[in-house]
Amino acid sequence: MTSARILGTGSFLPRRVVTNAELALTVDTSDEWIVSRTGIRERRVAAPDETTCDLAERAARQALDAAGCLASDIDLLIVATTTPDRVFPSTACLLQERLGIHGSAAFDVQAVCTGFVYALAIAEKFIRTGGTKRALVVGAETMSRIVDWNDRSTSVLFGDGAGAVVVGASDEPGILSSHLHADGAYKDLLTVSTGVSDRGAGPGHITMRGNEVFRMAVTTLDALVGETLAANDLKQTDIRWLVPHQANIRIIAATAKRLGMTMDQVIVTVDRHGNTSAASIPLAFDTGVRDGRIRRGDVVLMEAFGGGLTWGSVLLRY
């Protein structure tokens, strides 16, 4: 049976680094307070003239180079983003034009921090059913555009960036399973309360009920790990690497404990990137691949939790 396998990875971060010390100049916070509660020490912020598509393009080109294929080889392009360049066309279509790809399917996926997991799962289904041979899957965000920089509860959390993978049909095992969930009953725990059709009454910035989100994340991710292992008839010790959504080091540590893993088996970038929403998993995955920790044949678990509420996992053999 045809499998979908990751052929190459890429990532890109804006140049500007915003440290905790810099944030402490404008809001009532400190480096010690932020690090102790989140693990974040710095984050990247896009320049005023730098868009989500700009970041996506740089990550995508790197992934294509790593996969050893041309943009013209791509017959499906999916961008996971919460912060698209425009209402329409999709950021995927804008990226498609940048890369010189013509005629193949291109669309955005909006599942906030779980977006890349959703997008990768969709691409895998297209490949497994024979509808696609090679897909480019990108997670890209400019979260700084929807952050209230005067709100210490959210401004310290988020950053900008992009990560990408090229996924291709293969006779060798690749993506083993995906598990996607959502529950809109919890929509107000983490939200931007204004939009196009519903103008809302809020300021158009991220608002979050942090303690409730933390509890939901730990509970749902714990169940998700069990679901993923059971579906593949695997033991905890069969997982070589955990590549989690980079939201909070305490949530990451709780998931690792559930798997019986040490933090040496977890790819952690939250300290340097902050929460880059849909970009965080592909950014972290590319980091682990490029520094040599993640090697061909390793079993990797990706898992995420985000606004919606959404949560999901992808288990793969790299």
Protein backbone atom coordinates (compact mmCIF):
# COMPACT_ATOMS: atom_id res chain seq x y z
CA MET A 1 0.00 0.00 0.00
CA THR A 2 1.22 3.49 -0.86
CA SER A 3 2.42 5.48 2.13
CA ALA A 4 3.07 9.21 2.53
CA ARG A 5 6.61 9.98 3.61
CA ILE A 6 8.32 13.25 4.51
CA LEU A 7 10.99 13.88 1.88
CA GLY A 8 12.38 17.21 3.05
CA THR A 9 11.95 19.91 5.67
CA GLY A 10 12.49 23.66 5.90
CA SER A 11 11.89 26.62 8.19
CA PHE A 12 12.29 30.35 8.45
CA LEU A 13 12.28 32.89 11.28
CA PRO A 14 12.09 36.68 11.02
CA ARG A 15 15.27 38.54 11.89
CA ARG A 16 13.97 40.58 14.83
CA VAL A 17 14.37 38.95 18.26
CA VAL A 18 12.19 40.20 21.11
CA THR A 19 13.51 39.15 24.51
CA ASN A 20 11.64 38.93 27.78
CA ALA A 21 13.70 41.85 29.04
CA GLU A 22 12.41 43.99 26.17
CA LEU A 23 8.79 43.09 26.96
CA ALA A 24 9.39 43.97 30.61
CA LEU A 25 10.02 47.56 29.52
CA THR A 26 6.40 47.98 28.41
CA VAL A 27 4.31 45.55 30.50
CA ASP A 28 4.39 44.43 34.13
CA THR A 29 6.43 41.27 33.73
CA SER A 30 9.96 39.92 34.07
CA ASP A 31 12.22 37.34 32.49
CA GLU A 32 11.94 35.19 35.63
CA TRP A 33 8.12 35.35 35.61
CA ILE A 34 7.84 34.41 31.92
CA VAL A 35 10.43 31.62 31.99
CA SER A 36 9.04 30.02 35.15
CA ARG A 37 5.51 29.86 33.74
CA THR A 38 6.11 29.19 30.05
CA GLY A 39 9.75 28.35 29.37
CA ILE A 40 9.92 31.16 26.79
CA ARG A 41 13.00 33.39 26.73
CA GLU A 42 12.60 35.09 23.36
CA ARG A 43 10.47 35.12 20.24
CA ARG A 44 10.76 36.38 16.64
CA VAL A 45 8.61 39.20 15.27
CA ALA A 46 8.06 39.89 11.56
CA ALA A 47 9.02 43.27 10.13
CA PRO A 48 6.12 45.61 9.28
CA ASP A 49 6.47 44.83 5.57
CA GLU A 50 6.95 41.07 6.10
CA THR A 51 3.86 38.89 5.56
CA THR A 52 2.88 35.35 6.39
CA CYS A 53 3.41 34.43 2.74
CA ASP A 54 6.93 35.87 2.85
CA LEU A 55 7.81 33.58 5.74
CA ALA A 56 6.06 30.62 4.11
CA GLU A 57 7.97 31.10 0.87
CA ARG A 58 11.37 30.98 2.58
CA ALA A 59 10.47 27.82 4.49
CA ALA A 60 8.93 26.20 1.42
CA ARG A 61 11.98 26.79 -0.78
CA GLN A 62 14.21 25.27 1.89
CA ALA A 63 11.99 22.20 2.12
CA LEU A 64 11.96 21.78 -1.66
CA ASP A 65 15.76 21.95 -1.72
CA ALA A 66 16.02 19.40 1.08
CA ALA A 67 13.65 17.05 -0.77
CA GLY A 68 15.62 17.43 -3.98
CA CYS A 69 12.55 18.30 -6.01
CA LEU A 70 11.30 21.23 -8.05
CA ALA A 71 8.28 23.36 -7.33
CA SER A 72 6.79 21.97 -10.54
CA ASP A 73 6.81 18.50 -8.92
CA ILE A 74 4.25 19.65 -6.34
CA ASP A 75 0.65 18.75 -7.13
CA LEU A 76 -0.91 19.79 -3.79
CA LEU A 77 -0.11 22.82 -1.65
CA ILE A 78 -1.62 23.32 1.82
CA VAL A 79 -0.86 26.24 4.12
CA ALA A 80 -1.91 26.02 7.76
CA THR A 81 -2.31 29.54 9.13
CA THR A 82 -4.39 31.65 11.48
CA THR A 83 -2.94 34.87 10.08
CA PRO A 84 -3.39 34.84 6.28
CA ASP A 85 -2.15 37.69 4.13
CA ARG A 86 -5.65 38.38 2.80
CA VAL A 87 -9.26 37.35 3.33
CA PHE A 88 -8.88 35.85 -0.13
CA PRO A 89 -7.23 34.50 -2.14
CA SER A 90 -5.76 31.97 0.26
CA THR A 91 -2.16 32.27 1.39
CA ALA A 92 -1.66 28.91 -0.35
CA CYS A 93 -2.64 30.49 -3.68
CA LEU A 94 -0.33 33.44 -3.03
CA LEU A 95 2.50 31.04 -2.23
CA GLN A 96 1.68 28.94 -5.28
CA GLU A 97 2.15 32.01 -7.50
CA ARG A 98 5.45 32.86 -5.78
CA LEU A 99 6.79 29.37 -6.40
CA GLY A 100 5.62 29.26 -10.02
CA ILE A 101 3.22 26.34 -9.50
CA HIS A 102 0.23 26.31 -11.86
CA GLY A 103 -2.97 24.30 -11.89
CA SER A 104 -2.63 22.05 -8.86
CA ALA A 105 -4.87 22.27 -5.80
CA ALA A 106 -3.94 24.89 -3.20
CA PHE A 107 -5.82 25.88 -0.06
CA ASP A 108 -5.47 27.06 3.52
CA VAL A 109 -6.35 25.13 6.69
CA GLN A 110 -7.42 27.01 9.83
CA ALA A 111 -7.17 24.95 13.00
CA VAL A 112 -4.97 27.45 14.89
CA CYS A 113 -2.14 25.69 16.76
CA THR A 114 -3.26 22.27 15.50
CA GLY A 115 -3.29 23.54 11.91
CA PHE A 116 -0.12 21.86 10.71
CA VAL A 117 -1.21 18.49 12.10
CA TYR A 118 -4.56 18.89 10.30
CA ALA A 119 -2.82 19.91 7.06
CA LEU A 120 -0.32 17.05 7.18
CA ALA A 121 -3.13 14.57 7.83
CA ILE A 122 -5.05 15.90 4.83
CA ALA A 123 -2.01 15.64 2.56
CA GLU A 124 -1.43 12.06 3.72
CA LYS A 125 -4.98 11.11 2.76
CA PHE A 126 -4.59 12.63 -0.70
CA ILE A 127 -1.36 10.68 -1.25
CA ARG A 128 -2.63 7.40 0.18
CA THR A 129 -5.69 7.45 -2.09
CA GLY A 130 -3.62 8.23 -5.18
CA GLY A 131 -4.90 11.76 -5.73
CA THR A 132 -1.49 13.33 -5.08
CA LYS A 133 2.12 12.28 -5.62
CA ARG A 134 3.93 15.14 -3.92
CA ALA A 135 2.52 17.70 -1.51
CA LEU A 136 4.00 20.81 0.05
CA VAL A 137 2.63 21.40 3.55
CA VAL A 138 3.45 24.68 5.28
CA GLY A 139 2.66 26.11 8.70
CA ALA A 140 3.18 29.88 8.74
CA GLU A 141 2.11 32.63 11.12
CA THR A 142 2.51 36.30 11.93
CA MET A 143 0.88 36.05 15.35
CA SER A 144 2.38 39.40 16.34
CA ARG A 145 -0.32 41.07 14.21
CA ILE A 146 -3.12 39.83 16.49
CA VAL A 147 -1.36 40.15 19.86
CA ASP A 148 -2.20 42.96 22.28
CA TRP A 149 1.31 44.02 23.28
CA ASN A 150 -0.08 45.67 26.42
CA ASP A 151 -1.56 42.40 27.70
CA ARG A 152 1.09 40.57 29.70
CA SER A 153 -0.92 37.34 29.75
CA THR A 154 -0.70 36.90 25.95
CA SER A 155 2.01 39.22 24.62
CA VAL A 156 4.73 37.10 26.21
CA LEU A 157 3.56 33.91 24.53
CA PHE A 158 3.45 34.34 20.78
CA GLY A 159 5.93 34.71 17.94
CA ASP A 160 6.20 34.59 14.16
CA GLY A 161 7.74 31.99 11.85
CA ALA A 162 7.18 29.29 9.26
CA GLY A 163 8.00 25.63 8.75
CA ALA A 164 7.41 23.34 5.79
CA VAL A 165 7.64 19.74 4.67
CA VAL A 166 7.49 18.04 1.29
CA VAL A 167 5.50 14.80 1.48
CA GLY A 168 5.65 12.19 -1.26
CA ALA A 169 4.27 8.80 -2.16
CA SER A 170 6.49 5.95 -1.01
CA ASP A 171 6.50 2.18 -0.72
CA GLU A 172 8.29 2.56 2.63
CA PRO A 173 6.36 3.34 5.82
CA GLY A 174 5.95 7.06 6.44
CA ILE A 175 2.96 8.61 8.13
CA LEU A 176 1.51 5.78 10.20
CA SER A 177 -1.65 7.41 11.51
CA SER A 178 -3.32 10.73 12.26
CA HIS A 179 -5.91 11.60 14.91
CA LEU A 180 -7.89 14.85 14.66
CA HIS A 181 -10.36 16.31 17.14
CA ALA A 182 -12.23 19.53 17.90
CA ASP A 183 -14.89 20.79 20.30
CA GLY A 184 -16.39 24.20 19.58
CA ALA A 185 -18.12 24.26 22.97
CA TYR A 186 -14.83 25.62 24.30
CA LYS A 187 -14.51 28.33 21.67
CA ASP A 188 -14.20 31.20 24.17
CA LEU A 189 -11.25 29.79 26.09
CA LEU A 190 -8.81 30.91 23.39
CA THR A 191 -10.11 33.25 20.72
CA VAL A 192 -9.98 36.40 18.65
CA SER A 193 -13.54 37.58 19.02
CA THR A 194 -13.80 39.69 15.87
CA GLY A 195 -13.91 38.65 12.24
CA VAL A 196 -15.33 39.47 8.83
CA SER A 197 -18.94 38.33 9.15
CA ASP A 198 -19.10 38.71 12.93
CA ARG A 199 -17.53 42.03 13.87
CA GLY A 200 -17.92 41.17 17.54
CA ALA A 201 -17.33 43.51 20.42
CA GLY A 202 -13.72 42.69 21.21
CA PRO A 203 -10.51 44.47 20.30
CA GLY A 204 -9.45 42.03 17.57
CA HIS A 205 -6.64 40.59 19.67
CA ILE A 206 -6.00 37.17 21.16
CA THR A 207 -7.72 36.57 24.49
CA MET A 208 -7.14 33.49 26.57
CA ARG A 209 -8.38 31.97 29.82
CA GLY A 210 -4.97 30.56 30.57
CA ASN A 211 -5.63 28.25 33.50
CA GLU A 212 -8.58 26.59 31.78
CA VAL A 213 -6.65 26.20 28.53
CA PHE A 214 -3.74 24.63 30.43
CA ARG A 215 -6.00 22.09 32.15
CA MET A 216 -7.78 21.20 28.90
CA ALA A 217 -4.48 20.82 27.04
CA VAL A 218 -2.98 18.45 29.59
CA THR A 219 -6.15 16.34 29.78
CA THR A 220 -6.81 16.06 26.03
CA LEU A 221 -3.19 15.48 25.07
CA ASP A 222 -2.90 12.73 27.66
CA ALA A 223 -5.88 10.96 26.08
CA LEU A 224 -4.52 11.66 22.59
CA VAL A 225 -1.22 9.94 23.36
CA GLY A 226 -3.11 6.85 24.52
CA GLU A 227 -5.31 6.88 21.43
CA THR A 228 -2.33 7.15 19.08
CA LEU A 229 -0.38 4.34 20.73
CA ALA A 230 -3.40 2.03 20.81
CA ALA A 231 -4.24 2.65 17.14
CA ASN A 232 -0.75 1.55 16.13
CA ASP A 233 -0.36 -1.25 18.70
CA LEU A 234 2.76 0.45 20.03
CA LYS A 235 4.30 0.86 23.45
CA GLN A 236 5.57 4.13 24.87
CA THR A 237 9.14 2.95 24.35
CA ASP A 238 8.54 2.61 20.60
CA ILE A 239 8.44 6.40 20.22
CA ARG A 240 11.91 7.82 19.55
CA TRP A 241 11.04 11.53 19.39
CA LEU A 242 8.23 13.74 20.58
CA VAL A 243 7.74 16.90 18.49
CA PRO A 244 5.01 18.80 20.32
CA HIS A 245 3.32 22.09 19.67
CA GLN A 246 5.51 24.66 21.37
CA ALA A 247 3.08 26.48 23.63
CA ASN A 248 4.29 25.97 27.17
CA ILE A 249 7.16 23.94 28.58
CA ARG A 250 4.96 22.62 31.39
CA ILE A 251 2.45 21.16 28.91
CA ILE A 252 5.32 19.67 26.90
CA ALA A 253 6.85 18.12 30.01
CA ALA A 254 3.49 16.64 31.05
CA THR A 255 3.10 14.93 27.65
CA ALA A 256 6.64 13.58 27.78
CA LYS A 257 5.96 12.16 31.25
CA ARG A 258 2.83 10.44 29.92
CA LEU A 259 5.04 8.75 27.30
CA GLY A 260 7.70 7.84 29.85
CA MET A 261 10.18 9.94 27.88
CA THR A 262 12.99 12.11 29.16
CA MET A 263 13.19 15.69 27.91
CA ASP A 264 16.25 14.61 25.91
CA GLN A 265 13.79 12.81 23.61
CA VAL A 266 11.69 15.93 23.06
CA ILE A 267 12.40 18.60 20.46
CA VAL A 268 11.99 21.86 22.36
CA THR A 269 12.13 25.25 20.66
CA VAL A 270 9.60 27.16 22.76
CA ASP A 271 12.42 28.91 24.63
CA ARG A 272 13.66 30.56 21.42
CA HIS A 273 10.53 30.71 19.24
CA GLY A 274 7.64 31.17 21.65
CA ASN A 275 4.25 29.93 20.46
CA THR A 276 4.19 30.23 16.67
CA SER A 277 0.81 28.49 16.40
CA ALA A 278 0.57 26.41 13.19
CA ALA A 279 4.27 26.99 12.48
CA SER A 280 5.57 25.56 15.74
CA ILE A 281 5.62 21.83 14.93
CA PRO A 282 7.25 22.12 11.48
CA LEU A 283 9.76 24.62 12.91
CA ALA A 284 10.66 22.21 15.70
CA PHE A 285 10.71 19.20 13.36
CA ASP A 286 13.06 20.96 10.94
CA THR A 287 15.30 21.92 13.86
CA GLY A 288 15.55 18.29 14.96
CA VAL A 289 16.24 17.06 11.42
CA ARG A 290 18.88 19.66 10.62
CA ASP A 291 20.83 19.28 13.86
CA GLY A 292 20.97 15.51 13.34
CA ARG A 293 18.85 14.36 16.24
CA ILE A 294 15.95 13.07 14.12
CA ARG A 295 17.26 10.45 11.71
CA ARG A 296 15.77 8.31 8.97
CA GLY A 297 13.80 5.45 10.45
CA ASP A 298 13.01 7.19 13.74
CA VAL A 299 9.42 6.98 14.98
CA VAL A 300 8.18 10.51 15.70
CA LEU A 301 5.02 11.67 17.44
CA MET A 302 3.70 15.13 16.60
CA GLU A 303 0.89 16.45 18.79
CA ALA A 304 -0.85 19.79 19.19
CA PHE A 305 -3.63 21.62 20.99
CA GLY A 306 -5.11 24.97 20.00
CA GLY A 307 -8.03 27.35 19.74
CA GLY A 308 -11.32 25.93 18.61
CA LEU A 309 -10.67 23.98 20.68
CA THR A 310 -8.73 21.65 18.38
CA TRP A 311 -6.24 18.90 19.08
CA GLY A 312 -4.56 16.17 17.09
CA SER A 313 -1.56 13.99 16.45
CA VAL A 314 0.45 12.50 13.60
CA LEU A 315 2.62 9.44 14.15
CA LEU A 316 5.26 8.87 11.50
CA ARG A 317 8.42 7.04 10.66
CA TYR A 318 10.88 9.56 9.30
